[in-house]
PDB file of N, CA and C in Angstrom:
ATOM      1  N   UNK A   1       8.545   5.334 -19.016  1.00  0.00           N
ATOM      2  CA  UNK A   1       7.884   6.622 -19.027  1.00  0.00           C
ATOM      3  C   UNK A   1       6.557   6.508 -19.762  1.00  0.00           C
ATOM      4  N   UNK A   2       5.614   7.326 -19.347  1.00  0.00           N
ATOM      5  CA  UNK A   2       4.339   7.381 -20.042  1.00  0.00           C
ATOM      6  C   UNK A   2       3.721   8.757 -19.826  1.00  0.00           C
ATOM      7  N   UNK A   3       2.731   9.063 -20.631  1.00  0.00           N
ATOM      8  CA  UNK A   3       2.077  10.365 -20.550  1.00  0.00           C
ATOM      9  C   UNK A   3       0.575  10.216 -20.302  1.00  0.00           C
ATOM     10  N   UNK A   4       0.214   9.230 -19.496  1.00  0.00           N
ATOM     11  CA  UNK A   4      -1.190   8.939 -19.213  1.00  0.00           C
ATOM     12  C   UNK A   4      -1.898  10.144 -18.588  1.00  0.00           C
ATOM     13  N   UNK A   5      -1.261  10.826 -17.662  1.00  0.00           N
ATOM     14  CA  UNK A   5      -1.904  11.965 -16.996  1.00  0.00           C
ATOM     15  C   UNK A   5      -2.325  13.028 -18.007  1.00  0.00           C
ATOM     16  N   UNK A   6      -1.435  13.412 -18.878  1.00  0.00           N
ATOM     17  CA  UNK A   6      -1.746  14.433 -19.872  1.00  0.00           C
ATOM     18  C   UNK A   6      -2.857  13.974 -20.810  1.00  0.00           C
ATOM     19  N   UNK A   7      -2.799  12.731 -21.241  1.00  0.00           N
ATOM     20  CA  UNK A   7      -3.828  12.207 -22.139  1.00  0.00           C
ATOM     21  C   UNK A   7      -5.178  12.197 -21.431  1.00  0.00           C
ATOM     22  N   UNK A   8      -5.215  11.712 -20.201  1.00  0.00           N
ATOM     23  CA  UNK A   8      -6.481  11.668 -19.451  1.00  0.00           C
ATOM     24  C   UNK A   8      -7.075  13.059 -19.300  1.00  0.00           C
ATOM     25  N   UNK A   9      -6.240  14.032 -18.957  1.00  0.00           N
ATOM     26  CA  UNK A   9      -6.732  15.395 -18.792  1.00  0.00           C
ATOM     27  C   UNK A   9      -7.243  15.965 -20.105  1.00  0.00           C
ATOM     28  N   UNK A  10      -6.556  15.691 -21.202  1.00  0.00           N
ATOM     29  CA  UNK A  10      -7.009  16.167 -22.518  1.00  0.00           C
ATOM     30  C   UNK A  10      -8.344  15.545 -22.912  1.00  0.00           C
ATOM     31  N   UNK A  11      -8.603  14.337 -22.416  1.00  0.00           N
ATOM     32  CA  UNK A  11      -9.877  13.692 -22.685  1.00  0.00           C
ATOM     33  C   UNK A  11     -10.981  14.175 -21.743  1.00  0.00           C
ATOM     34  N   UNK A  12     -10.600  14.945 -20.721  1.00  0.00           N
ATOM     35  CA  UNK A  12     -11.575  15.501 -19.788  1.00  0.00           C
ATOM     36  C   UNK A  12     -12.203  14.480 -18.862  1.00  0.00           C
ATOM     37  N   UNK A  13     -11.430  13.466 -18.490  1.00  0.00           N
ATOM     38  CA  UNK A  13     -11.948  12.396 -17.651  1.00  0.00           C
ATOM     39  C   UNK A  13     -11.286  12.387 -16.277  1.00  0.00           C
ATOM     40  N   UNK A  14     -12.053  12.015 -15.284  1.00  0.00           N
ATOM     41  CA  UNK A  14     -11.519  11.763 -13.955  1.00  0.00           C
ATOM     42  C   UNK A  14     -10.837  10.397 -13.980  1.00  0.00           C
ATOM     43  N   UNK A  15      -9.992  10.117 -12.995  1.00  0.00           N
ATOM     44  CA  UNK A  15      -9.277   8.835 -12.970  1.00  0.00           C
ATOM     45  C   UNK A  15     -10.231   7.649 -13.025  1.00  0.00           C
ATOM     46  N   UNK A  16     -11.319   7.700 -12.267  1.00  0.00           N
ATOM     47  CA  UNK A  16     -12.263   6.577 -12.225  1.00  0.00           C
ATOM     48  C   UNK A  16     -12.904   6.365 -13.596  1.00  0.00           C
ATOM     49  N   UNK A  17     -13.315   7.432 -14.245  1.00  0.00           N
ATOM     50  CA  UNK A  17     -13.925   7.333 -15.575  1.00  0.00           C
ATOM     51  C   UNK A  17     -12.938   6.767 -16.591  1.00  0.00           C
ATOM     52  N   UNK A  18     -11.726   7.282 -16.554  1.00  0.00           N
ATOM     53  CA  UNK A  18     -10.677   6.832 -17.471  1.00  0.00           C
ATOM     54  C   UNK A  18     -10.385   5.355 -17.234  1.00  0.00           C
ATOM     55  N   UNK A  19     -10.256   4.973 -15.973  1.00  0.00           N
ATOM     56  CA  UNK A  19      -9.968   3.586 -15.617  1.00  0.00           C
ATOM     57  C   UNK A  19     -11.057   2.648 -16.142  1.00  0.00           C
ATOM     58  N   UNK A  20     -12.309   3.005 -15.909  1.00  0.00           N
ATOM     59  CA  UNK A  20     -13.413   2.167 -16.390  1.00  0.00           C
ATOM     60  C   UNK A  20     -13.386   2.048 -17.907  1.00  0.00           C
ATOM     61  N   UNK A  21     -13.077   3.135 -18.572  1.00  0.00           N
ATOM     62  CA  UNK A  21     -13.083   3.152 -20.044  1.00  0.00           C
ATOM     63  C   UNK A  21     -11.981   2.291 -20.652  1.00  0.00           C
ATOM     64  N   UNK A  22     -10.866   2.130 -19.932  1.00  0.00           N
ATOM     65  CA  UNK A  22      -9.764   1.320 -20.473  1.00  0.00           C
ATOM     66  C   UNK A  22      -9.639  -0.036 -19.777  1.00  0.00           C
ATOM     67  N   UNK A  23     -10.555  -0.327 -18.859  1.00  0.00           N
ATOM     68  CA  UNK A  23     -10.600  -1.651 -18.250  1.00  0.00           C
ATOM     69  C   UNK A  23      -9.567  -1.945 -17.194  1.00  0.00           C
ATOM     70  N   UNK A  24      -9.193  -0.914 -16.436  1.00  0.00           N
ATOM     71  CA  UNK A  24      -8.264  -1.107 -15.313  1.00  0.00           C
ATOM     72  C   UNK A  24      -8.860  -0.445 -14.079  1.00  0.00           C
ATOM     73  N   UNK A  25      -8.216  -0.603 -12.940  1.00  0.00           N
ATOM     74  CA  UNK A  25      -8.703   0.037 -11.720  1.00  0.00           C
ATOM     75  C   UNK A  25      -8.216   1.487 -11.638  1.00  0.00           C
ATOM     76  N   UNK A  26      -8.877   2.264 -10.813  1.00  0.00           N
ATOM     77  CA  UNK A  26      -8.443   3.647 -10.584  1.00  0.00           C
ATOM     78  C   UNK A  26      -7.036   3.644 -10.001  1.00  0.00           C
ATOM     79  N   UNK A  27      -6.730   2.664  -9.171  1.00  0.00           N
ATOM     80  CA  UNK A  27      -5.387   2.549  -8.600  1.00  0.00           C
ATOM     81  C   UNK A  27      -4.322   2.350  -9.665  1.00  0.00           C
ATOM     82  N   UNK A  28      -4.653   1.555 -10.688  1.00  0.00           N
ATOM     83  CA  UNK A  28      -3.713   1.382 -11.796  1.00  0.00           C
ATOM     84  C   UNK A  28      -3.441   2.713 -12.478  1.00  0.00           C
ATOM     85  N   UNK A  29      -4.505   3.480 -12.748  1.00  0.00           N
ATOM     86  CA  UNK A  29      -4.327   4.778 -13.402  1.00  0.00           C
ATOM     87  C   UNK A  29      -3.442   5.670 -12.542  1.00  0.00           C
ATOM     88  N   UNK A  30      -3.680   5.680 -11.246  1.00  0.00           N
ATOM     89  CA  UNK A  30      -2.861   6.473 -10.339  1.00  0.00           C
ATOM     90  C   UNK A  30      -1.391   6.057 -10.440  1.00  0.00           C
ATOM     91  N   UNK A  31      -1.135   4.765 -10.488  1.00  0.00           N
ATOM     92  CA  UNK A  31       0.244   4.275 -10.590  1.00  0.00           C
ATOM     93  C   UNK A  31       0.870   4.640 -11.927  1.00  0.00           C
ATOM     94  N   UNK A  32       0.078   4.615 -13.001  1.00  0.00           N
ATOM     95  CA  UNK A  32       0.610   5.035 -14.300  1.00  0.00           C
ATOM     96  C   UNK A  32       0.988   6.511 -14.257  1.00  0.00           C
ATOM     97  N   UNK A  33       0.099   7.312 -13.675  1.00  0.00           N
ATOM     98  CA  UNK A  33       0.315   8.762 -13.668  1.00  0.00           C
ATOM     99  C   UNK A  33       1.502   9.182 -12.807  1.00  0.00           C
ATOM    100  N   UNK A  34       1.782   8.435 -11.770  1.00  0.00           N
ATOM    101  CA  UNK A  34       2.930   8.753 -10.913  1.00  0.00           C
ATOM    102  C   UNK A  34       4.168   7.959 -11.327  1.00  0.00           C
ATOM    103  N   UNK A  35       4.029   7.208 -12.423  1.00  0.00           N
ATOM    104  CA  UNK A  35       5.102   6.411 -13.003  1.00  0.00           C
ATOM    105  C   UNK A  35       5.660   5.345 -12.066  1.00  0.00           C
ATOM    106  N   UNK A  36       4.825   4.874 -11.144  1.00  0.00           N
ATOM    107  CA  UNK A  36       5.227   3.712 -10.351  1.00  0.00           C
ATOM    108  C   UNK A  36       5.165   2.466 -11.225  1.00  0.00           C
ATOM    109  N   UNK A  37       4.262   2.510 -12.215  1.00  0.00           N
ATOM    110  CA  UNK A  37       4.126   1.443 -13.202  1.00  0.00           C
ATOM    111  C   UNK A  37       3.840   2.077 -14.551  1.00  0.00           C
ATOM    112  N   UNK A  38       4.211   1.386 -15.603  1.00  0.00           N
ATOM    113  CA  UNK A  38       3.823   1.791 -16.949  1.00  0.00           C
ATOM    114  C   UNK A  38       2.717   0.866 -17.413  1.00  0.00           C
ATOM    115  N   UNK A  39       1.801   1.368 -18.231  1.00  0.00           N
ATOM    116  CA  UNK A  39       0.755   0.494 -18.759  1.00  0.00           C
ATOM    117  C   UNK A  39       1.364  -0.543 -19.702  1.00  0.00           C
ATOM    118  N   UNK A  40       0.691  -1.675 -19.794  1.00  0.00           N
ATOM    119  CA  UNK A  40       1.122  -2.703 -20.739  1.00  0.00           C
ATOM    120  C   UNK A  40       0.809  -2.223 -22.157  1.00  0.00           C
ATOM    121  N   UNK A  41       1.412  -2.838 -23.154  1.00  0.00           N
ATOM    122  CA  UNK A  41       1.067  -2.470 -24.535  1.00  0.00           C
ATOM    123  C   UNK A  41      -0.430  -2.615 -24.828  1.00  0.00           C
ATOM    124  N   UNK A  42      -1.062  -3.639 -24.241  1.00  0.00           N
ATOM    125  CA  UNK A  42      -2.500  -3.829 -24.434  1.00  0.00           C
ATOM    126  C   UNK A  42      -3.299  -2.655 -23.867  1.00  0.00           C
ATOM    127  N   UNK A  43      -2.935  -2.199 -22.690  1.00  0.00           N
ATOM    128  CA  UNK A  43      -3.603  -1.039 -22.100  1.00  0.00           C
ATOM    129  C   UNK A  43      -3.320   0.198 -22.947  1.00  0.00           C
ATOM    130  N   UNK A  44      -2.115   0.319 -23.448  1.00  0.00           N
ATOM    131  CA  UNK A  44      -1.785   1.434 -24.334  1.00  0.00           C
ATOM    132  C   UNK A  44      -2.697   1.466 -25.551  1.00  0.00           C
ATOM    133  N   UNK A  45      -2.958   0.296 -26.136  1.00  0.00           N
ATOM    134  CA  UNK A  45      -3.870   0.220 -27.284  1.00  0.00           C
ATOM    135  C   UNK A  45      -5.283   0.636 -26.898  1.00  0.00           C
ATOM    136  N   UNK A  46      -5.705   0.289 -25.679  1.00  0.00           N
ATOM    137  CA  UNK A  46      -7.038   0.695 -25.219  1.00  0.00           C
ATOM    138  C   UNK A  46      -7.121   2.200 -25.021  1.00  0.00           C
ATOM    139  N   UNK A  47      -6.028   2.815 -24.579  1.00  0.00           N
ATOM    140  CA  UNK A  47      -5.986   4.278 -24.441  1.00  0.00           C
ATOM    141  C   UNK A  47      -6.119   4.928 -25.820  1.00  0.00           C
ATOM    142  N   UNK A  48      -5.405   4.395 -26.794  1.00  0.00           N
ATOM    143  CA  UNK A  48      -5.485   4.909 -28.165  1.00  0.00           C
ATOM    144  C   UNK A  48      -6.921   4.790 -28.688  1.00  0.00           C
ATOM    145  N   UNK A  49      -7.543   3.635 -28.469  1.00  0.00           N
ATOM    146  CA  UNK A  49      -8.920   3.423 -28.936  1.00  0.00           C
ATOM    147  C   UNK A  49      -9.901   4.354 -28.237  1.00  0.00           C
ATOM    148  N   UNK A  50      -9.729   4.551 -26.936  1.00  0.00           N
ATOM    149  CA  UNK A  50     -10.598   5.464 -26.198  1.00  0.00           C
ATOM    150  C   UNK A  50     -10.477   6.873 -26.751  1.00  0.00           C
ATOM    151  N   UNK A  51      -9.267   7.326 -26.938  1.00  0.00           N
ATOM    152  CA  UNK A  51      -9.062   8.678 -27.473  1.00  0.00           C
ATOM    153  C   UNK A  51      -9.713   8.809 -28.846  1.00  0.00           C
ATOM    154  N   UNK A  52      -9.516   7.808 -29.692  1.00  0.00           N
ATOM    155  CA  UNK A  52     -10.112   7.841 -31.032  1.00  0.00           C
ATOM    156  C   UNK A  52     -11.622   7.936 -30.949  1.00  0.00           C
ATOM    157  N   UNK A  53     -12.229   7.189 -30.020  1.00  0.00           N
ATOM    158  CA  UNK A  53     -13.687   7.212 -29.878  1.00  0.00           C
ATOM    159  C   UNK A  53     -14.197   8.580 -29.429  1.00  0.00           C
ATOM    160  N   UNK A  54     -13.314   9.381 -28.848  1.00  0.00           N
ATOM    161  CA  UNK A  54     -13.670  10.724 -28.394  1.00  0.00           C
ATOM    162  C   UNK A  54     -13.162  11.796 -29.352  1.00  0.00           C
ATOM    163  N   UNK A  55     -12.674  11.368 -30.514  1.00  0.00           N
ATOM    164  CA  UNK A  55     -12.234  12.310 -31.533  1.00  0.00           C
ATOM    165  C   UNK A  55     -10.879  12.941 -31.296  1.00  0.00           C
ATOM    166  N   UNK A  56     -10.033  12.284 -30.495  1.00  0.00           N
ATOM    167  CA  UNK A  56      -8.694  12.801 -30.183  1.00  0.00           C
ATOM    168  C   UNK A  56      -7.668  11.827 -30.750  1.00  0.00           C
ATOM    169  N   UNK A  57      -6.729  12.330 -31.507  1.00  0.00           N
ATOM    170  CA  UNK A  57      -5.681  11.488 -32.076  1.00  0.00           C
ATOM    171  C   UNK A  57      -4.592  11.255 -31.039  1.00  0.00           C
ATOM    172  N   UNK A  58      -4.422   9.998 -30.669  1.00  0.00           N
ATOM    173  CA  UNK A  58      -3.368   9.581 -29.743  1.00  0.00           C
ATOM    174  C   UNK A  58      -2.739   8.327 -30.337  1.00  0.00           C
ATOM    175  N   UNK A  59      -1.433   8.250 -30.313  1.00  0.00           N
ATOM    176  CA  UNK A  59      -0.715   7.064 -30.790  1.00  0.00           C
ATOM    177  C   UNK A  59      -0.066   6.355 -29.609  1.00  0.00           C
ATOM    178  N   UNK A  60       0.412   5.143 -29.857  1.00  0.00           N
ATOM    179  CA  UNK A  60       1.160   4.447 -28.804  1.00  0.00           C
ATOM    180  C   UNK A  60       2.396   5.240 -28.410  1.00  0.00           C
ATOM    181  N   UNK A  61       3.000   5.910 -29.367  1.00  0.00           N
ATOM    182  CA  UNK A  61       4.163   6.740 -29.053  1.00  0.00           C
ATOM    183  C   UNK A  61       3.777   7.859 -28.082  1.00  0.00           C
ATOM    184  N   UNK A  62       2.558   8.399 -28.226  1.00  0.00           N
ATOM    185  CA  UNK A  62       2.082   9.421 -27.286  1.00  0.00           C
ATOM    186  C   UNK A  62       1.891   8.831 -25.893  1.00  0.00           C
ATOM    187  N   UNK A  63       1.309   7.642 -25.837  1.00  0.00           N
ATOM    188  CA  UNK A  63       1.053   6.992 -24.540  1.00  0.00           C
ATOM    189  C   UNK A  63       2.357   6.780 -23.786  1.00  0.00           C
ATOM    190  N   UNK A  64       3.380   6.309 -24.498  1.00  0.00           N
ATOM    191  CA  UNK A  64       4.634   5.964 -23.841  1.00  0.00           C
ATOM    192  C   UNK A  64       5.686   7.068 -23.932  1.00  0.00           C
ATOM    193  N   UNK A  65       5.252   8.280 -24.260  1.00  0.00           N
ATOM    194  CA  UNK A  65       6.162   9.422 -24.347  1.00  0.00           C
ATOM    195  C   UNK A  65       6.501   9.960 -22.964  1.00  0.00           C
ATOM    196  N   UNK A  66       7.477  10.841 -22.921  1.00  0.00           N
ATOM    197  CA  UNK A  66       7.826  11.526 -21.672  1.00  0.00           C
ATOM    198  C   UNK A  66       6.653  12.393 -21.247  1.00  0.00           C
ATOM    199  N   UNK A  67       6.371  12.485 -19.951  1.00  0.00           N
ATOM    200  CA  UNK A  67       5.264  13.313 -19.467  1.00  0.00           C
ATOM    201  C   UNK A  67       5.342  14.735 -20.008  1.00  0.00           C
ATOM    202  N   UNK A  68       4.171  15.229 -20.439  1.00  0.00           N
ATOM    203  CA  UNK A  68       4.073  16.602 -20.907  1.00  0.00           C
ATOM    204  C   UNK A  68       4.424  16.796 -22.365  1.00  0.00           C
ATOM    205  N   UNK A  69       4.802  15.728 -23.062  1.00  0.00           N
ATOM    206  CA  UNK A  69       5.199  15.887 -24.454  1.00  0.00           C
ATOM    207  C   UNK A  69       4.048  15.640 -25.428  1.00  0.00           C
ATOM    208  N   UNK A  70       2.908  15.195 -24.920  1.00  0.00           N
ATOM    209  CA  UNK A  70       1.748  14.904 -25.763  1.00  0.00           C
ATOM    210  C   UNK A  70       1.110  16.187 -26.258  1.00  0.00           C
ATOM    211  N   UNK A  71       0.752  16.199 -27.524  1.00  0.00           N
ATOM    212  CA  UNK A  71       0.046  17.353 -28.055  1.00  0.00           C
ATOM    213  C   UNK A  71      -0.959  16.907 -29.087  1.00  0.00           C
ATOM    214  N   UNK A  72      -2.002  17.684 -29.259  1.00  0.00           N
ATOM    215  CA  UNK A  72      -3.052  17.355 -30.239  1.00  0.00           C
ATOM    216  C   UNK A  72      -2.729  18.064 -31.535  1.00  0.00           C
TER     217      UNK A  72
END
């Protein structure tokens, strides 16, 4: 399970923008959001770093949480 969709929306990014910012393809982001795949721990760390750079607190636990459970 992961909460990539909620995190991406809270950051105000489109899939392509989010993908470029974390170093994956837009297709990967789509697969994360539909839970066909989960991001690797390394990608999870990049999501945390991206959020931090935008002033949003996100932890690895948030990244890998059940969808919709992320909160600021």
